Amino acid sequence: MDVPETLKEEDMAGLTDAQAQILLDPNFAVIATVRPDGSPQSSVVWIDWDGEAAVFTTTRPRAKGRYLERDPRVSISVFDLENPYRYVEIQGVAELSDDGAAEHIHAMSHKYSGADYPEPDGRLLVRVKPVRVHAMGVE
C-alpha cells in the first residue's frame, strides 16, 4: 500500500528527551492499526524507543501484525503509569522486520517482568518513526 501524503517520512517529527523517557520507562502503549474495512483495531503492547523510532514486537498471525503488513499506518499512545494524564501519542508508518525481534522481546520482557520472554521465536520487530507527535504534561 502507498503511504498517504499525510504520513510521509520527510515530515518526520522528533521526541524531546522527556517524551522519549515515557517510552523508555516501563509504561504500556496502545497501538491502533487499520482493519481492512477501515475501522480501527487497538491492542496494548510493551514499548521502547531506539533514539529515532518507537519499537515493539508482534507476530504475523496476530491482528496488528496482519494489519500493519497490509496498511503500515499506526498510532501509538503511551501513558505514564504514575500519572496517566501525562502521555505521548506518535503517529507514523510501521517498518516491519524479522531481524532482532527475538532479542528485542527478551529485552522488553526484562524491562516489564524481569525475566526472559518464554516464546521469542516467530516475532516481528516493528519500528515507527514519528511523523506526528502529540503530548500532554510532558515537556
C-alpha atoms as a PDB file:
ATOM      1  CA  MET A   1       0.000   0.000   0.000  1.00  0.00           C
ATOM      2  CA  ASP A   2       1.214   3.504  -0.788  1.00  0.00           C
ATOM      3  CA  VAL A   3       1.808   5.688   2.242  1.00  0.00           C
ATOM      4  CA  PRO A   4      -0.748   8.506   2.389  1.00  0.00           C
ATOM      5  CA  GLU A   5       0.556  12.018   1.774  1.00  0.00           C
ATOM      6  CA  THR A   6      -0.371  12.886   5.373  1.00  0.00           C
ATOM      7  CA  LEU A   7       2.194  10.412   6.774  1.00  0.00           C
ATOM      8  CA  LYS A   8       5.241  10.813   4.539  1.00  0.00           C
ATOM      9  CA  GLU A   9       8.652  10.177   6.125  1.00  0.00           C
ATOM     10  CA  GLU A  10      10.007  13.548   5.001  1.00  0.00           C
ATOM     11  CA  ASP A  11       7.594  15.120   7.508  1.00  0.00           C
ATOM     12  CA  MET A  12       9.343  13.388  10.425  1.00  0.00           C
ATOM     13  CA  ALA A  13       8.889  14.710  13.917  1.00  0.00           C
ATOM     14  CA  GLY A  14      11.179  14.038  16.830  1.00  0.00           C
ATOM     15  CA  LEU A  15      10.654  13.422  20.506  1.00  0.00           C
ATOM     16  CA  THR A  16      12.022  15.555  23.298  1.00  0.00           C
ATOM     17  CA  ASP A  17      14.121  13.780  25.916  1.00  0.00           C
ATOM     18  CA  ALA A  18      11.159  13.847  28.338  1.00  0.00           C
ATOM     19  CA  GLN A  19       8.821  12.391  25.687  1.00  0.00           C
ATOM     20  CA  ALA A  20      11.330   9.656  24.843  1.00  0.00           C
ATOM     21  CA  GLN A  21      11.645   8.818  28.538  1.00  0.00           C
ATOM     22  CA  ILE A  22       7.919   7.966  28.655  1.00  0.00           C
ATOM     23  CA  LEU A  23       8.679   5.210  26.108  1.00  0.00           C
ATOM     24  CA  LEU A  24      11.891   4.120  27.833  1.00  0.00           C
ATOM     25  CA  ASP A  25      10.208   3.728  31.220  1.00  0.00           C
ATOM     26  CA  PRO A  26       8.097   0.573  31.733  1.00  0.00           C
ATOM     27  CA  ASN A  27       4.876   2.228  30.574  1.00  0.00           C
ATOM     28  CA  PHE A  28       2.386   0.435  28.367  1.00  0.00           C
ATOM     29  CA  ALA A  29       1.371   1.566  24.894  1.00  0.00           C
ATOM     30  CA  VAL A  30      -1.865   1.262  22.972  1.00  0.00           C
ATOM     31  CA  ILE A  31      -1.262   0.537  19.296  1.00  0.00           C
ATOM     32  CA  ALA A  32      -4.013   1.445  16.824  1.00  0.00           C
ATOM     33  CA  THR A  33      -3.915  -0.126  13.366  1.00  0.00           C
ATOM     34  CA  VAL A  34      -6.353  -0.079  10.457  1.00  0.00           C
ATOM     35  CA  ARG A  35      -8.544  -3.092   9.663  1.00  0.00           C
ATOM     36  CA  PRO A  36      -9.287  -3.957   6.017  1.00  0.00           C
ATOM     37  CA  ASP A  37     -12.737  -2.333   6.350  1.00  0.00           C
ATOM     38  CA  GLY A  38     -11.102   0.916   7.555  1.00  0.00           C
ATOM     39  CA  SER A  39     -12.151   0.569  11.185  1.00  0.00           C
ATOM     40  CA  PRO A  40      -9.557   0.842  13.965  1.00  0.00           C
ATOM     41  CA  GLN A  41      -8.062  -2.101  15.841  1.00  0.00           C
ATOM     42  CA  SER A  42      -6.147  -1.468  19.068  1.00  0.00           C
ATOM     43  CA  SER A  43      -4.071  -3.508  21.474  1.00  0.00           C
ATOM     44  CA  VAL A  44      -1.768  -2.975  24.431  1.00  0.00           C
ATOM     45  CA  VAL A  45       1.954  -3.644  23.914  1.00  0.00           C
ATOM     46  CA  TRP A  46       5.318  -3.235  25.564  1.00  0.00           C
ATOM     47  CA  ILE A  47       7.079  -0.230  24.011  1.00  0.00           C
ATOM     48  CA  ASP A  48      10.634   1.016  23.557  1.00  0.00           C
ATOM     49  CA  TRP A  49      12.481   3.943  21.970  1.00  0.00           C
ATOM     50  CA  ASP A  50      15.704   3.389  19.997  1.00  0.00           C
ATOM     51  CA  GLY A  51      16.642   7.047  19.570  1.00  0.00           C
ATOM     52  CA  GLU A  52      14.682   7.611  16.386  1.00  0.00           C
ATOM     53  CA  ALA A  53      11.730   5.223  16.421  1.00  0.00           C
ATOM     54  CA  ALA A  54       9.176   3.688  18.760  1.00  0.00           C
ATOM     55  CA  VAL A  55       9.746  -0.064  18.807  1.00  0.00           C
ATOM     56  CA  PHE A  56       7.528  -3.017  19.692  1.00  0.00           C
ATOM     57  CA  THR A  57       7.071  -6.611  18.581  1.00  0.00           C
ATOM     58  CA  THR A  58       4.166  -8.724  17.432  1.00  0.00           C
ATOM     59  CA  THR A  59       3.665 -11.817  15.299  1.00  0.00           C
ATOM     60  CA  ARG A  60       2.357 -12.064  11.752  1.00  0.00           C
ATOM     61  CA  PRO A  61      -0.724 -14.120  12.718  1.00  0.00           C
ATOM     62  CA  ARG A  62      -1.894 -11.522  15.265  1.00  0.00           C
ATOM     63  CA  ALA A  63      -4.292  -8.832  14.100  1.00  0.00           C
ATOM     64  CA  LYS A  64      -1.802  -5.975  14.443  1.00  0.00           C
ATOM     65  CA  GLY A  65       0.855  -7.910  12.502  1.00  0.00           C
ATOM     66  CA  ARG A  66      -1.550  -8.728   9.669  1.00  0.00           C
ATOM     67  CA  TYR A  67      -2.992  -5.217   9.548  1.00  0.00           C
ATOM     68  CA  LEU A  68       0.410  -3.497   9.621  1.00  0.00           C
ATOM     69  CA  GLU A  69       1.641  -5.645   6.725  1.00  0.00           C
ATOM     70  CA  ARG A  70      -1.414  -4.587   4.707  1.00  0.00           C
ATOM     71  CA  ASP A  71      -1.515  -0.912   5.838  1.00  0.00           C
ATOM     72  CA  PRO A  72       1.524   0.373   7.781  1.00  0.00           C
ATOM     73  CA  ARG A  73      -0.173   3.453   9.246  1.00  0.00           C
ATOM     74  CA  VAL A  74      -0.184   3.301  13.034  1.00  0.00           C
ATOM     75  CA  SER A  75      -0.883   5.410  16.092  1.00  0.00           C
ATOM     76  CA  ILE A  76       0.869   4.717  19.397  1.00  0.00           C
ATOM     77  CA  SER A  77      -0.309   6.188  22.710  1.00  0.00           C
ATOM     78  CA  VAL A  78       1.954   5.763  25.740  1.00  0.00           C
ATOM     79  CA  PHE A  79       0.662   6.732  29.188  1.00  0.00           C
ATOM     80  CA  ASP A  80       2.794   7.407  32.242  1.00  0.00           C
ATOM     81  CA  LEU A  81       1.788   4.771  34.823  1.00  0.00           C
ATOM     82  CA  GLU A  82       2.481   7.238  37.648  1.00  0.00           C
ATOM     83  CA  ASN A  83       0.251   9.912  36.100  1.00  0.00           C
ATOM     84  CA  PRO A  84      -1.937   8.829  33.145  1.00  0.00           C
ATOM     85  CA  TYR A  85      -2.625  12.492  32.326  1.00  0.00           C
ATOM     86  CA  ARG A  86       0.976  12.552  31.088  1.00  0.00           C
ATOM     87  CA  TYR A  87       1.185  10.837  27.726  1.00  0.00           C
ATOM     88  CA  VAL A  88       2.790  10.828  24.315  1.00  0.00           C
ATOM     89  CA  GLU A  89       0.992   9.945  21.097  1.00  0.00           C
ATOM     90  CA  ILE A  90       3.015   9.081  17.997  1.00  0.00           C
ATOM     91  CA  GLN A  91       1.597   8.660  14.515  1.00  0.00           C
ATOM     92  CA  GLY A  92       3.735   7.189  11.799  1.00  0.00           C
ATOM     93  CA  VAL A  93       4.371   4.399   9.344  1.00  0.00           C
ATOM     94  CA  ALA A  94       5.494   0.997  10.595  1.00  0.00           C
ATOM     95  CA  GLU A  95       8.631  -0.687   9.281  1.00  0.00           C
ATOM     96  CA  LEU A  96       8.485  -4.452   9.874  1.00  0.00           C
ATOM     97  CA  SER A  97      11.450  -6.796  10.154  1.00  0.00           C
ATOM     98  CA  ASP A  98      12.296 -10.250  11.457  1.00  0.00           C
ATOM     99  CA  ASP A  99      15.838  -9.119  12.346  1.00  0.00           C
ATOM    100  CA  GLY A 100      16.432  -8.560  16.045  1.00  0.00           C
ATOM    101  CA  ALA A 101      12.871  -9.360  17.091  1.00  0.00           C
ATOM    102  CA  ALA A 102      13.765 -12.234  19.470  1.00  0.00           C
ATOM    103  CA  GLU A 103      16.451 -10.163  21.199  1.00  0.00           C
ATOM    104  CA  HIS A 104      14.088  -7.222  21.491  1.00  0.00           C
ATOM    105  CA  ILE A 105      11.245  -9.225  23.055  1.00  0.00           C
ATOM    106  CA  HIS A 106      13.692 -10.601  25.637  1.00  0.00           C
ATOM    107  CA  ALA A 107      14.853  -7.054  26.459  1.00  0.00           C
ATOM    108  CA  MET A 108      11.246  -5.873  26.765  1.00  0.00           C
ATOM    109  CA  SER A 109      10.341  -8.855  28.924  1.00  0.00           C
ATOM    110  CA  HIS A 110      13.197  -7.965  31.285  1.00  0.00           C
ATOM    111  CA  LYS A 111      12.063  -4.333  31.320  1.00  0.00           C
ATOM    112  CA  TYR A 112       8.447  -5.209  32.173  1.00  0.00           C
ATOM    113  CA  SER A 113       8.685  -8.511  34.074  1.00  0.00           C
ATOM    114  CA  GLY A 114      12.331  -9.119  34.954  1.00  0.00           C
ATOM    115  CA  ALA A 115      12.728 -12.391  33.015  1.00  0.00           C
ATOM    116  CA  ASP A 116      13.297 -13.743  29.501  1.00  0.00           C
ATOM    117  CA  TYR A 117      10.275 -13.983  27.234  1.00  0.00           C
ATOM    118  CA  PRO A 118       9.066 -17.600  27.173  1.00  0.00           C
ATOM    119  CA  GLU A 119       8.484 -17.908  23.390  1.00  0.00           C
ATOM    120  CA  PRO A 120      10.669 -15.445  21.422  1.00  0.00           C
ATOM    121  CA  ASP A 121      10.538 -17.294  18.084  1.00  0.00           C
ATOM    122  CA  GLY A 122       8.332 -16.014  15.289  1.00  0.00           C
ATOM    123  CA  ARG A 123       8.371 -12.397  16.482  1.00  0.00           C
ATOM    124  CA  LEU A 124       8.205  -9.433  14.137  1.00  0.00           C
ATOM    125  CA  LEU A 125      10.044  -6.209  15.050  1.00  0.00           C
ATOM    126  CA  VAL A 126       8.031  -3.049  14.379  1.00  0.00           C
ATOM    127  CA  ARG A 127       9.719   0.380  14.215  1.00  0.00           C
ATOM    128  CA  VAL A 128       7.678   3.574  13.918  1.00  0.00           C
ATOM    129  CA  LYS A 129       9.465   6.851  13.232  1.00  0.00           C
ATOM    130  CA  PRO A 130       7.271   9.716  14.449  1.00  0.00           C
ATOM    131  CA  VAL A 131       5.581  11.757  11.753  1.00  0.00           C
ATOM    132  CA  ARG A 132       3.194  13.448  14.195  1.00  0.00           C
ATOM    133  CA  VAL A 133       3.671  13.766  17.937  1.00  0.00           C
ATOM    134  CA  HIS A 134       1.150  14.975  20.481  1.00  0.00           C
ATOM    135  CA  ALA A 135       1.990  15.063  24.172  1.00  0.00           C
ATOM    136  CA  MET A 136       0.229  16.153  27.325  1.00  0.00           C
ATOM    137  CA  GLY A 137       2.062  17.029  30.532  1.00  0.00           C
ATOM    138  CA  VAL A 138       5.433  16.112  29.022  1.00  0.00           C
ATOM    139  CA  GLU A 139       7.810  18.963  28.225  1.00  0.00           C
END
